[in-house]
Amino acid sequence: MNFIKALASSNRTICSKYFHTTTHALARRPFTPGKIINRWGTYKRLAPTSLANVDVRQMPRRHVPSHILRPPYADTGVSSNWEPEVPVNSDQDVIGMREAGKLAKEILTLGSTLCTPGVTTNDIDKVIHEAIIAKNAYPSPLNYMGFPKSVCTSINNVIAHGIPDDRPLQDGDMINVDVTVYLNGYHGDTSATFMVGNVDEKGIALIECTRETLEKSIAICGPGVPNKEIGRIICEHAMKNGFSVSDELSGHGIGKEFHSLPLIYHHINEEEGVMIPGSTFTIEPILCQGSATGIMWPDKWTISTVDGGRSAQFEHTLLVTEDGVEILTE
C-alpha cells in the first residue's frame, strides 16, 4: 500500500478538486458501450459519484475474530508510529517478515483469479478478507487511518487507494489489487495490476512497462546502494517508453509497523540514504499514460489521474541482505 509522500515528509497536499477533461473519440474506431475511446485506448474512466464529502469512517467494516492479533491502529484508526531511524530487523524479525510476505503473495495470487467481468470490487474485498482471517492474519488496510476496507482496488484511471464498491468489473478494465497482511506482528505488502478480459494494446504496454520498472529497480538493490537509484532506474525506463511516474506516492519501510522509514521515491530525486542490511521496504512504482498528477476524491482516499489517463502499479516487499536483496513477496 502506497504512502502519500506529502503526509510523511512535507506540507505538500494532493489537490482535492476533481477536474473534468474532454475525451476525443477517434474516427473509424469501434465503440464499446460504456467505454471511452481516446488517445490512450478504449476503457471506462472512473469518477466519483458525487462531489460531496464522504466520511469513510462511517462505512461498515468486515468482522475480524477476536483471537486474531491486530495491529495497534485496528481499533483507533491512527497511522503508524514512525521511528526517527530506519528499523533493522533481527534474525527473528526476518523470519516473521518472510512468513508475512509469503502469505501476502498467496492472497494476491487469489486476488488475481477474481478479476473477471461482472465481479465487483466489494466481492474481491470479501473473498480476500475471509482468506486472510482464515490464515489467522489481519488485513492491514482495515481501519488504517480510517480506511474502510481490507484491500485497495484501483481501476483504470485510479492511481491508488481505490475503495472497493459495488461497481462490476468490465471487459477491458485494468485493476490494481493491493494486498497487505499483518501476520504474527509483521506486515507483508504486495500488489499487481491485472487485466479484466480483453485489454487494448496501449493498456497492455503500460502494464508490461510498469512490471519491468519494478524488476529493473529490484535488480540494482543491495547493501550500500543509494535509495535514489531506485527512482533513477524507474524513471529512465518509464520515460523511454513514453510513460510518466507518480511522485506523490512512495514506497516505504515496513515490518512491525505498516509504514516507516525509509521512504522510497520512484521519481528522480536527490534524497540521501543508502540501503542497510536487515532493513525491509517496498518498491511500488505507479506509471501513467499521460500526466501522473493525482486528484483526490471526496472520500479522501481514492486518487485518480488529472487527465483521465490510465495507471498501473506493481509492488514487492524486499529485505536487504549482506550481499544483495531478497524479495519476500515473490
C-alpha atoms as a PDB file:
ATOM      1  CA  MET A   1       0.000   0.000   0.000  1.00  0.00           C
ATOM      2  CA  ASN A   2       1.491   3.311  -1.083  1.00  0.00           C
ATOM      3  CA  PHE A   3       2.195   6.011   1.400  1.00  0.00           C
ATOM      4  CA  ILE A   4       1.387   9.612   0.481  1.00  0.00           C
ATOM      5  CA  LYS A   5       4.798  11.271   0.473  1.00  0.00           C
ATOM      6  CA  ALA A   6       3.364  14.620   1.427  1.00  0.00           C
ATOM      7  CA  LEU A   7       1.954  13.322   4.691  1.00  0.00           C
ATOM      8  CA  ALA A   8       5.286  11.904   5.731  1.00  0.00           C
ATOM      9  CA  SER A   9       7.888  14.433   4.666  1.00  0.00           C
ATOM     10  CA  SER A  10       6.438  17.815   3.720  1.00  0.00           C
ATOM     11  CA  ASN A  11       3.396  20.016   3.647  1.00  0.00           C
ATOM     12  CA  ARG A  12       2.572  19.167   0.032  1.00  0.00           C
ATOM     13  CA  THR A  13      -1.014  18.042  -0.480  1.00  0.00           C
ATOM     14  CA  ILE A  14      -2.742  16.408  -3.384  1.00  0.00           C
ATOM     15  CA  CYS A  15      -5.352  18.710  -4.890  1.00  0.00           C
ATOM     16  CA  SER A  16      -8.830  17.596  -3.858  1.00  0.00           C
ATOM     17  CA  LYS A  17     -10.694  19.364  -6.652  1.00  0.00           C
ATOM     18  CA  TYR A  18     -11.966  16.989  -9.316  1.00  0.00           C
ATOM     19  CA  PHE A  19     -11.226  18.116 -12.853  1.00  0.00           C
ATOM     20  CA  HIS A  20     -13.235  17.020 -15.860  1.00  0.00           C
ATOM     21  CA  THR A  21     -11.327  16.608 -19.116  1.00  0.00           C
ATOM     22  CA  THR A  22     -12.855  16.185 -22.538  1.00  0.00           C
ATOM     23  CA  THR A  23     -12.302  12.899 -24.336  1.00  0.00           C
ATOM     24  CA  HIS A  24     -11.597  12.769 -28.040  1.00  0.00           C
ATOM     25  CA  ALA A  25     -13.162   9.869 -29.937  1.00  0.00           C
ATOM     26  CA  LEU A  26     -11.055   8.531 -32.762  1.00  0.00           C
ATOM     27  CA  ALA A  27     -12.653   8.210 -36.202  1.00  0.00           C
ATOM     28  CA  ARG A  28     -13.404   4.757 -37.609  1.00  0.00           C
ATOM     29  CA  ARG A  29     -12.745   3.011 -34.271  1.00  0.00           C
ATOM     30  CA  PRO A  30     -15.396   0.579 -32.951  1.00  0.00           C
ATOM     31  CA  PHE A  31     -17.168   1.977 -29.893  1.00  0.00           C
ATOM     32  CA  THR A  32     -17.974  -0.312 -26.975  1.00  0.00           C
ATOM     33  CA  PRO A  33     -20.967   0.822 -24.879  1.00  0.00           C
ATOM     34  CA  GLY A  34     -19.840   2.251 -21.549  1.00  0.00           C
ATOM     35  CA  LYS A  35     -16.279   2.794 -22.742  1.00  0.00           C
ATOM     36  CA  ILE A  36     -14.463   5.902 -23.893  1.00  0.00           C
ATOM     37  CA  ILE A  37     -12.156   5.899 -26.908  1.00  0.00           C
ATOM     38  CA  ASN A  38      -9.315   8.386 -26.643  1.00  0.00           C
ATOM     39  CA  ARG A  39      -5.633   8.714 -27.379  1.00  0.00           C
ATOM     40  CA  TRP A  40      -4.792   6.313 -24.541  1.00  0.00           C
ATOM     41  CA  GLY A  41      -7.050   3.455 -25.596  1.00  0.00           C
ATOM     42  CA  THR A  42     -10.557   2.150 -25.063  1.00  0.00           C
ATOM     43  CA  TYR A  43     -11.732   1.954 -21.460  1.00  0.00           C
ATOM     44  CA  LYS A  44     -14.193   3.277 -18.906  1.00  0.00           C
ATOM     45  CA  ARG A  45     -12.916   6.265 -16.959  1.00  0.00           C
ATOM     46  CA  LEU A  46     -13.923   6.236 -13.303  1.00  0.00           C
ATOM     47  CA  ALA A  47     -15.175   9.329 -11.478  1.00  0.00           C
ATOM     48  CA  PRO A  48     -16.684   9.917  -8.041  1.00  0.00           C
ATOM     49  CA  THR A  49     -20.456   9.508  -7.985  1.00  0.00           C
ATOM     50  CA  SER A  50     -20.741  12.800  -6.117  1.00  0.00           C
ATOM     51  CA  LEU A  51     -18.507  15.721  -5.197  1.00  0.00           C
ATOM     52  CA  ALA A  52     -19.981  15.798  -1.699  1.00  0.00           C
ATOM     53  CA  ASN A  53     -17.605  14.887   1.114  1.00  0.00           C
ATOM     54  CA  VAL A  54     -17.643  11.214   2.094  1.00  0.00           C
ATOM     55  CA  ASP A  55     -16.914  10.064   5.643  1.00  0.00           C
ATOM     56  CA  VAL A  56     -15.407   6.619   5.062  1.00  0.00           C
ATOM     57  CA  ARG A  57     -15.145   6.043   8.811  1.00  0.00           C
ATOM     58  CA  GLN A  58     -18.918   5.594   8.829  1.00  0.00           C
ATOM     59  CA  MET A  59     -18.816   2.758   6.297  1.00  0.00           C
ATOM     60  CA  PRO A  60     -19.484  -0.744   7.686  1.00  0.00           C
ATOM     61  CA  ARG A  61     -16.379  -2.851   8.283  1.00  0.00           C
ATOM     62  CA  ARG A  62     -15.920  -6.570   7.983  1.00  0.00           C
ATOM     63  CA  HIS A  63     -15.616  -8.604  11.161  1.00  0.00           C
ATOM     64  CA  VAL A  64     -12.234  -9.822  12.402  1.00  0.00           C
ATOM     65  CA  PRO A  65     -12.376 -12.617  15.017  1.00  0.00           C
ATOM     66  CA  SER A  66     -11.102 -11.602  18.448  1.00  0.00           C
ATOM     67  CA  HIS A  67      -8.403 -14.292  18.541  1.00  0.00           C
ATOM     68  CA  ILE A  68      -6.507 -12.713  15.615  1.00  0.00           C
ATOM     69  CA  LEU A  69      -3.581 -10.475  16.550  1.00  0.00           C
ATOM     70  CA  ARG A  70      -4.342  -6.921  15.492  1.00  0.00           C
ATOM     71  CA  PRO A  71      -2.016  -4.006  14.753  1.00  0.00           C
ATOM     72  CA  PRO A  72      -2.265  -1.079  17.210  1.00  0.00           C
ATOM     73  CA  TYR A  73      -4.344   1.040  14.807  1.00  0.00           C
ATOM     74  CA  ALA A  74      -7.037  -1.614  14.284  1.00  0.00           C
ATOM     75  CA  ASP A  75      -9.284  -0.078  16.927  1.00  0.00           C
ATOM     76  CA  THR A  76      -8.058   3.530  16.960  1.00  0.00           C
ATOM     77  CA  GLY A  77      -7.748   4.213  13.227  1.00  0.00           C
ATOM     78  CA  VAL A  78      -4.444   6.065  13.626  1.00  0.00           C
ATOM     79  CA  SER A  79      -1.324   5.814  11.447  1.00  0.00           C
ATOM     80  CA  SER A  80       1.973   4.028  12.049  1.00  0.00           C
ATOM     81  CA  ASN A  81       4.379   5.051  14.784  1.00  0.00           C
ATOM     82  CA  TRP A  82       7.368   6.363  12.828  1.00  0.00           C
ATOM     83  CA  GLU A  83      10.800   5.831  14.348  1.00  0.00           C
ATOM     84  CA  PRO A  84      13.449   8.502  13.583  1.00  0.00           C
ATOM     85  CA  GLU A  85      15.792   5.947  12.002  1.00  0.00           C
ATOM     86  CA  VAL A  86      15.422   3.085   9.534  1.00  0.00           C
ATOM     87  CA  PRO A  87      14.471  -0.047  11.539  1.00  0.00           C
ATOM     88  CA  VAL A  88      16.828  -3.009  11.241  1.00  0.00           C
ATOM     89  CA  ASN A  89      15.319  -6.469  11.645  1.00  0.00           C
ATOM     90  CA  SER A  90      16.689  -9.114  13.982  1.00  0.00           C
ATOM     91  CA  ASP A  91      17.014 -12.716  12.820  1.00  0.00           C
ATOM     92  CA  GLN A  92      13.641 -13.446  14.431  1.00  0.00           C
ATOM     93  CA  ASP A  93      12.112 -10.422  12.724  1.00  0.00           C
ATOM     94  CA  VAL A  94      13.347 -11.663   9.351  1.00  0.00           C
ATOM     95  CA  ILE A  95      11.587 -14.990   9.919  1.00  0.00           C
ATOM     96  CA  GLY A  96       8.379 -13.128  10.719  1.00  0.00           C
ATOM     97  CA  MET A  97       8.727 -10.909   7.657  1.00  0.00           C
ATOM     98  CA  ARG A  98       9.273 -13.919   5.408  1.00  0.00           C
ATOM     99  CA  GLU A  99       6.086 -15.536   6.702  1.00  0.00           C
ATOM    100  CA  ALA A 100       4.089 -12.336   6.233  1.00  0.00           C
ATOM    101  CA  GLY A 101       5.479 -11.865   2.730  1.00  0.00           C
ATOM    102  CA  LYS A 102       4.663 -15.430   1.770  1.00  0.00           C
ATOM    103  CA  LEU A 103       1.065 -15.008   2.917  1.00  0.00           C
ATOM    104  CA  ALA A 104       0.709 -11.662   1.115  1.00  0.00           C
ATOM    105  CA  LYS A 105       1.834 -13.338  -2.114  1.00  0.00           C
ATOM    106  CA  GLU A 106      -0.662 -16.170  -1.584  1.00  0.00           C
ATOM    107  CA  ILE A 107      -3.517 -13.717  -1.057  1.00  0.00           C
ATOM    108  CA  LEU A 108      -2.562 -11.631  -4.106  1.00  0.00           C
ATOM    109  CA  THR A 109      -2.490 -14.793  -6.218  1.00  0.00           C
ATOM    110  CA  LEU A 110      -6.022 -15.497  -5.015  1.00  0.00           C
ATOM    111  CA  GLY A 111      -6.989 -11.925  -5.897  1.00  0.00           C
ATOM    112  CA  SER A 112      -5.725 -12.402  -9.448  1.00  0.00           C
ATOM    113  CA  THR A 113      -8.289 -15.166 -10.009  1.00  0.00           C
ATOM    114  CA  LEU A 114     -11.164 -12.865  -9.017  1.00  0.00           C
ATOM    115  CA  CYS A 115     -10.582 -10.129 -11.593  1.00  0.00           C
ATOM    116  CA  THR A 116     -13.187 -11.129 -14.152  1.00  0.00           C
ATOM    117  CA  PRO A 117     -16.057  -9.252 -15.814  1.00  0.00           C
ATOM    118  CA  GLY A 118     -19.132  -8.925 -13.610  1.00  0.00           C
ATOM    119  CA  VAL A 119     -17.303  -9.326 -10.298  1.00  0.00           C
ATOM    120  CA  THR A 120     -17.495  -6.275  -8.048  1.00  0.00           C
ATOM    121  CA  THR A 121     -14.552  -4.952  -6.077  1.00  0.00           C
ATOM    122  CA  ASN A 122     -16.659  -5.497  -2.950  1.00  0.00           C
ATOM    123  CA  ASP A 123     -16.781  -9.176  -3.954  1.00  0.00           C
ATOM    124  CA  ILE A 124     -12.983  -9.165  -4.195  1.00  0.00           C
ATOM    125  CA  ASP A 125     -12.685  -7.446  -0.823  1.00  0.00           C
ATOM    126  CA  LYS A 126     -14.963 -10.029   0.811  1.00  0.00           C
ATOM    127  CA  VAL A 127     -13.089 -13.043  -0.554  1.00  0.00           C
ATOM    128  CA  ILE A 128      -9.685 -11.588   0.304  1.00  0.00           C
ATOM    129  CA  HIS A 129     -10.815 -10.572   3.789  1.00  0.00           C
ATOM    130  CA  GLU A 130     -12.087 -14.061   4.541  1.00  0.00           C
ATOM    131  CA  ALA A 131      -8.945 -15.688   3.135  1.00  0.00           C
ATOM    132  CA  ILE A 132      -6.707 -13.513   5.324  1.00  0.00           C
ATOM    133  CA  ILE A 133      -8.567 -14.140   8.566  1.00  0.00           C
ATOM    134  CA  ALA A 134      -8.703 -17.870   7.720  1.00  0.00           C
ATOM    135  CA  LYS A 135      -4.896 -17.739   7.995  1.00  0.00           C
ATOM    136  CA  ASN A 136      -5.183 -16.078  11.426  1.00  0.00           C
ATOM    137  CA  ALA A 137      -3.907 -12.803   9.987  1.00  0.00           C
ATOM    138  CA  TYR A 138      -5.320  -9.278   9.937  1.00  0.00           C
ATOM    139  CA  PRO A 139      -5.946  -7.332   6.679  1.00  0.00           C
ATOM    140  CA  SER A 140      -3.577  -4.413   7.251  1.00  0.00           C
ATOM    141  CA  PRO A 141      -5.528  -1.701   5.365  1.00  0.00           C
ATOM    142  CA  LEU A 142      -8.650  -2.211   7.507  1.00  0.00           C
ATOM    143  CA  ASN A 143      -9.118   0.971   9.617  1.00  0.00           C
ATOM    144  CA  TYR A 144      -5.587   2.196   8.883  1.00  0.00           C
ATOM    145  CA  MET A 145      -6.133   5.954   9.142  1.00  0.00           C
ATOM    146  CA  GLY A 146      -9.819   5.096   8.802  1.00  0.00           C
ATOM    147  CA  PHE A 147      -9.611   3.086   5.559  1.00  0.00           C
ATOM    148  CA  PRO A 148     -12.901   1.134   5.466  1.00  0.00           C
ATOM    149  CA  LYS A 149     -11.949  -1.991   3.518  1.00  0.00           C
ATOM    150  CA  SER A 150      -9.486  -4.885   3.668  1.00  0.00           C
ATOM    151  CA  VAL A 151      -7.826  -4.338   0.278  1.00  0.00           C
ATOM    152  CA  CYS A 152      -7.272  -1.465  -2.162  1.00  0.00           C
ATOM    153  CA  THR A 153      -8.669  -1.899  -5.677  1.00  0.00           C
ATOM    154  CA  SER A 154      -7.677   0.764  -8.222  1.00  0.00           C
ATOM    155  CA  ILE A 155      -9.228   0.613 -11.689  1.00  0.00           C
ATOM    156  CA  ASN A 156      -8.143   2.261 -14.976  1.00  0.00           C
ATOM    157  CA  ASN A 157      -7.507   5.965 -14.235  1.00  0.00           C
ATOM    158  CA  VAL A 158      -7.411   5.449 -10.457  1.00  0.00           C
ATOM    159  CA  ILE A 159      -3.788   5.773  -9.361  1.00  0.00           C
ATOM    160  CA  ALA A 160      -4.062   4.295  -5.880  1.00  0.00           C
ATOM    161  CA  HIS A 161      -6.140   3.642  -2.749  1.00  0.00           C
ATOM    162  CA  GLY A 162      -9.347   2.784  -4.577  1.00  0.00           C
ATOM    163  CA  ILE A 163     -12.065   1.741  -2.109  1.00  0.00           C
ATOM    164  CA  PRO A 164     -13.914  -1.463  -3.064  1.00  0.00           C
ATOM    165  CA  ASP A 165     -17.552  -0.851  -4.014  1.00  0.00           C
ATOM    166  CA  ASP A 166     -20.436  -2.344  -5.969  1.00  0.00           C
ATOM    167  CA  ARG A 167     -19.243  -1.418  -9.480  1.00  0.00           C
ATOM    168  CA  PRO A 168     -18.930  -4.631 -11.550  1.00  0.00           C
ATOM    169  CA  LEU A 169     -15.643  -5.040 -13.380  1.00  0.00           C
ATOM    170  CA  GLN A 170     -15.989  -4.576 -17.128  1.00  0.00           C
ATOM    171  CA  ASP A 171     -14.254  -6.280 -20.014  1.00  0.00           C
ATOM    172  CA  GLY A 172     -11.176  -4.168 -20.798  1.00  0.00           C
ATOM    173  CA  ASP A 173     -10.656  -2.842 -17.259  1.00  0.00           C
ATOM    174  CA  MET A 174      -7.219  -2.785 -15.681  1.00  0.00           C
ATOM    175  CA  ILE A 175      -7.259  -3.262 -11.901  1.00  0.00           C
ATOM    176  CA  ASN A 176      -4.520  -2.974  -9.310  1.00  0.00           C
ATOM    177  CA  VAL A 177      -5.114  -5.171  -6.275  1.00  0.00           C
ATOM    178  CA  ASP A 178      -3.019  -4.006  -3.315  1.00  0.00           C
ATOM    179  CA  VAL A 179      -2.748  -6.584  -0.527  1.00  0.00           C
ATOM    180  CA  THR A 180      -1.146  -6.158   2.888  1.00  0.00           C
ATOM    181  CA  VAL A 181      -1.413  -8.704   5.691  1.00  0.00           C
ATOM    182  CA  TYR A 182      -0.467  -8.494   9.369  1.00  0.00           C
ATOM    183  CA  LEU A 183       0.693 -11.923  10.485  1.00  0.00           C
ATOM    184  CA  ASN A 184       2.111 -12.638  13.945  1.00  0.00           C
ATOM    185  CA  GLY A 185       3.114  -8.999  14.373  1.00  0.00           C
ATOM    186  CA  TYR A 186       4.593  -8.323  10.920  1.00  0.00           C
ATOM    187  CA  HIS A 187       3.235  -6.730   7.742  1.00  0.00           C
ATOM    188  CA  GLY A 188       3.743  -8.121   4.231  1.00  0.00           C
ATOM    189  CA  ASP A 189       2.788  -5.842   1.324  1.00  0.00           C
ATOM    190  CA  THR A 190       2.442  -6.571  -2.395  1.00  0.00           C
ATOM    191  CA  SER A 191       0.346  -5.531  -5.384  1.00  0.00           C
ATOM    192  CA  ALA A 192      -0.074  -6.147  -9.087  1.00  0.00           C
ATOM    193  CA  THR A 193      -2.158  -4.841 -11.959  1.00  0.00           C
ATOM    194  CA  PHE A 194      -4.396  -7.399 -13.653  1.00  0.00           C
ATOM    195  CA  MET A 195      -6.280  -7.357 -16.949  1.00  0.00           C
ATOM    196  CA  VAL A 196     -10.024  -7.943 -16.908  1.00  0.00           C
ATOM    197  CA  GLY A 197     -10.958  -9.744 -20.094  1.00  0.00           C
ATOM    198  CA  ASN A 198      -9.616  -8.087 -23.247  1.00  0.00           C
ATOM    199  CA  VAL A 199      -7.413  -5.055 -22.574  1.00  0.00           C
ATOM    200  CA  ASP A 200      -6.283  -2.956 -25.555  1.00  0.00           C
ATOM    201  CA  GLU A 201      -2.662  -2.853 -26.712  1.00  0.00           C
ATOM    202  CA  LYS A 202      -1.923   0.512 -25.094  1.00  0.00           C
ATOM    203  CA  GLY A 203      -3.104  -0.777 -21.739  1.00  0.00           C
ATOM    204  CA  ILE A 204      -1.037  -3.935 -22.072  1.00  0.00           C
ATOM    205  CA  ALA A 205       2.056  -1.851 -22.899  1.00  0.00           C
ATOM    206  CA  LEU A 206       1.531   0.237 -19.747  1.00  0.00           C
ATOM    207  CA  ILE A 207       1.174  -2.852 -17.561  1.00  0.00           C
ATOM    208  CA  GLU A 208       4.250  -4.534 -19.004  1.00  0.00           C
ATOM    209  CA  CYS A 209       6.426  -1.435 -18.696  1.00  0.00           C
ATOM    210  CA  THR A 210       5.356  -0.941 -15.078  1.00  0.00           C
ATOM    211  CA  ARG A 211       6.225  -4.537 -14.252  1.00  0.00           C
ATOM    212  CA  GLU A 212       9.616  -4.057 -15.908  1.00  0.00           C
ATOM    213  CA  THR A 213      10.390  -0.916 -13.881  1.00  0.00           C
ATOM    214  CA  LEU A 214       9.858  -2.870 -10.662  1.00  0.00           C
ATOM    215  CA  GLU A 215      12.064  -5.723 -11.859  1.00  0.00           C
ATOM    216  CA  LYS A 216      14.831  -3.391 -13.020  1.00  0.00           C
ATOM    217  CA  SER A 217      14.813  -1.386  -9.789  1.00  0.00           C
ATOM    218  CA  ILE A 218      14.970  -4.512  -7.641  1.00  0.00           C
ATOM    219  CA  ALA A 219      17.928  -5.773  -9.692  1.00  0.00           C
ATOM    220  CA  ILE A 220      20.154  -2.881  -8.548  1.00  0.00           C
ATOM    221  CA  CYS A 221      19.291  -3.192  -4.826  1.00  0.00           C
ATOM    222  CA  GLY A 222      21.844  -4.237  -2.246  1.00  0.00           C
ATOM    223  CA  PRO A 223      23.734  -3.012   0.821  1.00  0.00           C
ATOM    224  CA  GLY A 224      25.174   0.481   0.418  1.00  0.00           C
ATOM    225  CA  VAL A 225      23.243   1.281  -2.769  1.00  0.00           C
ATOM    226  CA  PRO A 226      21.769   4.812  -2.618  1.00  0.00           C
ATOM    227  CA  ASN A 227      17.984   4.727  -2.299  1.00  0.00           C
ATOM    228  CA  LYS A 228      17.731   7.382  -5.016  1.00  0.00           C
ATOM    229  CA  GLU A 229      18.991   4.866  -7.590  1.00  0.00           C
ATOM    230  CA  ILE A 230      15.564   3.228  -7.465  1.00  0.00           C
ATOM    231  CA  GLY A 231      13.887   6.374  -8.766  1.00  0.00           C
ATOM    232  CA  ARG A 232      16.500   6.882 -11.464  1.00  0.00           C
ATOM    233  CA  ILE A 233      16.111   3.362 -12.843  1.00  0.00           C
ATOM    234  CA  ILE A 234      12.314   3.518 -12.782  1.00  0.00           C
ATOM    235  CA  CYS A 235      12.099   6.918 -14.458  1.00  0.00           C
ATOM    236  CA  GLU A 236      14.627   6.125 -17.167  1.00  0.00           C
ATOM    237  CA  HIS A 237      12.719   3.043 -18.275  1.00  0.00           C
ATOM    238  CA  ALA A 238       9.290   4.653 -17.959  1.00  0.00           C
ATOM    239  CA  MET A 239      10.224   7.792 -19.886  1.00  0.00           C
ATOM    240  CA  LYS A 240      11.932   5.771 -22.614  1.00  0.00           C
ATOM    241  CA  ASN A 241       8.595   4.063 -23.183  1.00  0.00           C
ATOM    242  CA  GLY A 242       6.533   7.254 -23.067  1.00  0.00           C
ATOM    243  CA  PHE A 243       5.058   6.953 -19.572  1.00  0.00           C
ATOM    244  CA  SER A 244       5.138   9.274 -16.561  1.00  0.00           C
ATOM    245  CA  VAL A 245       5.852   8.284 -12.948  1.00  0.00           C
ATOM    246  CA  SER A 246       3.819   9.354  -9.921  1.00  0.00           C
ATOM    247  CA  ASP A 247       5.891  11.418  -7.498  1.00  0.00           C
ATOM    248  CA  GLU A 248       3.068  11.946  -4.998  1.00  0.00           C
ATOM    249  CA  LEU A 249       3.144   8.402  -3.635  1.00  0.00           C
ATOM    250  CA  SER A 250       6.113   6.416  -2.442  1.00  0.00           C
ATOM    251  CA  GLY A 251       7.350   3.075  -1.271  1.00  0.00           C
ATOM    252  CA  HIS A 252       8.181   2.780   2.406  1.00  0.00           C
ATOM    253  CA  GLY A 253       9.827   0.839   5.164  1.00  0.00           C
ATOM    254  CA  ILE A 254       7.701  -1.967   6.554  1.00  0.00           C
ATOM    255  CA  GLY A 255       7.893  -4.516   9.338  1.00  0.00           C
ATOM    256  CA  LYS A 256       6.259  -4.366  12.736  1.00  0.00           C
ATOM    257  CA  GLU A 257       4.855  -1.044  11.515  1.00  0.00           C
ATOM    258  CA  PHE A 258       2.808  -0.763   8.310  1.00  0.00           C
ATOM    259  CA  HIS A 259       4.841   2.301   7.252  1.00  0.00           C
ATOM    260  CA  SER A 260       8.241   3.507   8.414  1.00  0.00           C
ATOM    261  CA  LEU A 261      11.496   4.894   7.069  1.00  0.00           C
ATOM    262  CA  PRO A 262      12.952   4.751   4.505  1.00  0.00           C
ATOM    263  CA  LEU A 263      10.638   6.463   2.051  1.00  0.00           C
ATOM    264  CA  ILE A 264      11.350   5.038  -1.398  1.00  0.00           C
ATOM    265  CA  TYR A 265      10.776   7.608  -4.123  1.00  0.00           C
ATOM    266  CA  HIS A 266      10.058   6.268  -7.595  1.00  0.00           C
ATOM    267  CA  HIS A 267      10.861   9.523  -9.396  1.00  0.00           C
ATOM    268  CA  ILE A 268      14.277  11.106  -9.973  1.00  0.00           C
ATOM    269  CA  ASN A 269      15.394  12.625  -6.669  1.00  0.00           C
ATOM    270  CA  GLU A 270      18.434  13.639  -4.661  1.00  0.00           C
ATOM    271  CA  GLU A 271      17.350  12.230  -1.293  1.00  0.00           C
ATOM    272  CA  GLU A 272      20.096  10.979   0.996  1.00  0.00           C
ATOM    273  CA  GLY A 273      20.246   7.461   2.386  1.00  0.00           C
ATOM    274  CA  VAL A 274      21.590   4.072   1.378  1.00  0.00           C
ATOM    275  CA  MET A 275      20.223   0.548   1.705  1.00  0.00           C
ATOM    276  CA  ILE A 276      21.017  -1.046   5.071  1.00  0.00           C
ATOM    277  CA  PRO A 277      21.407  -4.826   5.612  1.00  0.00           C
ATOM    278  CA  GLY A 278      18.483  -6.107   7.661  1.00  0.00           C
ATOM    279  CA  SER A 279      16.097  -3.356   6.565  1.00  0.00           C
ATOM    280  CA  THR A 280      12.829  -4.096   4.781  1.00  0.00           C
ATOM    281  CA  PHE A 281      10.962  -1.781   2.431  1.00  0.00           C
ATOM    282  CA  THR A 282       8.595  -1.749  -0.517  1.00  0.00           C
ATOM    283  CA  ILE A 283       9.152  -0.636  -4.078  1.00  0.00           C
ATOM    284  CA  GLU A 284       5.814   0.104  -5.772  1.00  0.00           C
ATOM    285  CA  PRO A 285       6.100   2.283  -8.886  1.00  0.00           C
ATOM    286  CA  ILE A 286       2.990   3.820 -10.436  1.00  0.00           C
ATOM    287  CA  LEU A 287       3.234   4.628 -14.143  1.00  0.00           C
ATOM    288  CA  CYS A 288       0.670   6.713 -16.033  1.00  0.00           C
ATOM    289  CA  GLN A 289      -0.187   7.173 -19.696  1.00  0.00           C
ATOM    290  CA  GLY A 290      -0.496  10.967 -19.503  1.00  0.00           C
ATOM    291  CA  SER A 291       0.074  13.196 -16.512  1.00  0.00           C
ATOM    292  CA  ALA A 292       0.979  11.484 -13.249  1.00  0.00           C
ATOM    293  CA  THR A 293      -0.574  14.299 -11.236  1.00  0.00           C
ATOM    294  CA  GLY A 294      -3.227  12.949  -8.896  1.00  0.00           C
ATOM    295  CA  ILE A 295      -6.653  14.249  -7.900  1.00  0.00           C
ATOM    296  CA  MET A 296      -8.007  13.132  -4.544  1.00  0.00           C
ATOM    297  CA  TRP A 297     -11.699  12.234  -4.499  1.00  0.00           C
ATOM    298  CA  PRO A 298     -14.157  13.399  -1.822  1.00  0.00           C
ATOM    299  CA  ASP A 299     -13.610  10.150   0.112  1.00  0.00           C
ATOM    300  CA  LYS A 300     -10.080  11.478   0.830  1.00  0.00           C
ATOM    301  CA  TRP A 301      -8.524   8.169  -0.208  1.00  0.00           C
ATOM    302  CA  THR A 302      -9.114   7.461  -3.895  1.00  0.00           C
ATOM    303  CA  ILE A 303      -6.595   9.217  -6.155  1.00  0.00           C
ATOM    304  CA  SER A 304      -7.147   9.371  -9.926  1.00  0.00           C
ATOM    305  CA  THR A 305      -5.160  10.934 -12.737  1.00  0.00           C
ATOM    306  CA  VAL A 306      -5.921  14.567 -13.502  1.00  0.00           C
ATOM    307  CA  ASP A 307      -6.367  13.916 -17.212  1.00  0.00           C
ATOM    308  CA  GLY A 308      -8.132  10.547 -17.139  1.00  0.00           C
ATOM    309  CA  GLY A 309      -5.182   8.502 -18.445  1.00  0.00           C
ATOM    310  CA  ARG A 310      -4.767   5.010 -17.052  1.00  0.00           C
ATOM    311  CA  SER A 311      -2.189   3.983 -14.482  1.00  0.00           C
ATOM    312  CA  ALA A 312      -0.615   0.703 -13.422  1.00  0.00           C
ATOM    313  CA  GLN A 313       1.338  -0.422 -10.377  1.00  0.00           C
ATOM    314  CA  PHE A 314       3.365  -3.384  -9.163  1.00  0.00           C
ATOM    315  CA  GLU A 315       4.858  -3.858  -5.702  1.00  0.00           C
ATOM    316  CA  HIS A 316       7.120  -6.153  -3.707  1.00  0.00           C
ATOM    317  CA  THR A 317       8.391  -6.162  -0.128  1.00  0.00           C
ATOM    318  CA  LEU A 318      12.190  -6.506  -0.032  1.00  0.00           C
ATOM    319  CA  LEU A 319      14.810  -7.471   2.547  1.00  0.00           C
ATOM    320  CA  VAL A 320      18.311  -6.048   2.136  1.00  0.00           C
ATOM    321  CA  THR A 321      20.840  -8.801   2.868  1.00  0.00           C
ATOM    322  CA  GLU A 322      24.619  -8.686   3.371  1.00  0.00           C
ATOM    323  CA  ASP A 323      25.225  -9.410  -0.305  1.00  0.00           C
ATOM    324  CA  GLY A 324      22.080  -8.384  -2.156  1.00  0.00           C
ATOM    325  CA  VAL A 325      18.330  -8.341  -1.731  1.00  0.00           C
ATOM    326  CA  GLU A 326      15.624 -10.912  -1.044  1.00  0.00           C
ATOM    327  CA  ILE A 327      12.128 -10.497  -2.457  1.00  0.00           C
ATOM    328  CA  LEU A 328       9.835 -11.508   0.390  1.00  0.00           C
ATOM    329  CA  THR A 329       6.616 -11.427  -1.663  1.00  0.00           C
ATOM    330  CA  GLU A 330       7.769 -13.349  -4.734  1.00  0.00           C
END
